[in-house]
């Protein structure tokens, strides 16, 4: 009977330890996900701004707007 209690206690302690490890891993994943989210938003903003700039330049290049030559440099 005592040996069964000891074995059950060891199994319980092992399971509690595993739960603690899983909690730490989940916290780490939450932090990593937050960084990925920020990086994704930064890349999206960069793409949007770059796309706008390219579209703006293409518009003026395609229309050969001569007014740009009057702008002092």
Protein backbone atom coordinates (compact mmCIF):
# COMPACT_ATOMS: atom_id res chain seq x y z
CA UNK A 1 0.00 0.00 0.00
CA UNK A 2 2.76 2.47 0.91
CA UNK A 3 4.64 1.76 -2.31
CA UNK A 4 1.50 2.58 -4.32
CA UNK A 5 1.13 5.87 -2.43
CA UNK A 6 4.79 6.70 -3.12
CA UNK A 7 4.38 5.90 -6.81
CA UNK A 8 1.21 8.00 -7.06
CA UNK A 9 2.99 10.88 -5.31
CA UNK A 10 5.87 10.71 -7.80
CA UNK A 11 3.46 10.65 -10.74
CA UNK A 12 1.56 13.62 -9.32
CA UNK A 13 4.77 15.62 -8.80
CA UNK A 14 5.89 14.81 -12.35
CA UNK A 15 2.53 15.97 -13.74
CA UNK A 16 2.66 19.19 -11.69
CA UNK A 17 6.17 19.85 -13.01
CA UNK A 18 5.03 19.24 -16.58
CA UNK A 19 2.15 21.71 -16.10
CA UNK A 20 4.62 24.34 -14.86
CA UNK A 21 6.81 23.78 -17.92
CA UNK A 22 3.82 24.09 -20.26
CA UNK A 23 2.76 27.36 -18.60
CA UNK A 24 6.25 28.83 -19.11
CA UNK A 25 6.28 27.69 -22.74
CA UNK A 26 2.86 29.27 -23.32
CA UNK A 27 4.05 32.56 -21.80
CA UNK A 28 7.10 32.50 -24.09
CA UNK A 29 4.88 31.85 -27.11
CA UNK A 30 2.63 34.78 -26.15
CA UNK A 31 5.66 37.10 -26.07
CA UNK A 32 6.98 35.76 -29.37
CA UNK A 33 3.55 36.19 -30.93
CA UNK A 34 3.44 39.80 -29.75
CA UNK A 35 6.81 40.48 -31.42
CA UNK A 36 5.66 38.77 -34.62
CA UNK A 37 2.49 40.86 -34.59
CA UNK A 38 4.48 44.09 -34.27
CA UNK A 39 6.85 43.00 -37.03
CA UNK A 40 3.93 42.11 -39.29
CA UNK A 41 2.29 45.50 -38.73
CA UNK A 42 5.59 47.26 -39.45
CA UNK A 43 6.06 45.32 -42.67
CA UNK A 44 2.46 46.06 -43.68
CA UNK A 45 2.95 49.78 -43.07
CA UNK A 46 6.20 49.72 -45.02
CA UNK A 47 4.49 47.97 -47.94
CA UNK A 48 1.58 50.39 -47.92
CA UNK A 49 3.87 53.44 -47.78
CA UNK A 50 6.19 52.03 -50.44
CA UNK A 51 3.25 51.12 -52.66
CA UNK A 52 1.83 54.63 -52.27
CA UNK A 53 5.20 56.21 -53.10
CA UNK A 54 5.68 54.01 -56.15
CA UNK A 55 2.12 54.73 -57.32
CA UNK A 56 2.65 58.47 -56.80
CA UNK A 57 5.88 58.44 -58.80
CA UNK A 58 4.37 56.31 -61.54
CA UNK A 59 1.42 58.68 -61.82
CA UNK A 60 3.69 61.66 -62.45
CA UNK A 61 5.99 59.71 -64.76
CA UNK A 62 3.11 58.37 -66.85
CA UNK A 63 1.47 61.77 -67.19
CA UNK A 64 4.71 63.63 -67.90
CA UNK A 65 3.63 66.54 -65.78
CA UNK A 66 5.87 69.41 -66.79
CA UNK A 67 4.97 71.40 -63.69
CA UNK A 68 7.47 69.36 -61.73
CA UNK A 69 10.33 71.01 -63.62
CA UNK A 70 9.26 74.35 -62.15
CA UNK A 71 9.82 73.19 -58.59
CA UNK A 72 13.10 74.67 -57.30
CA UNK A 73 15.56 72.09 -56.02
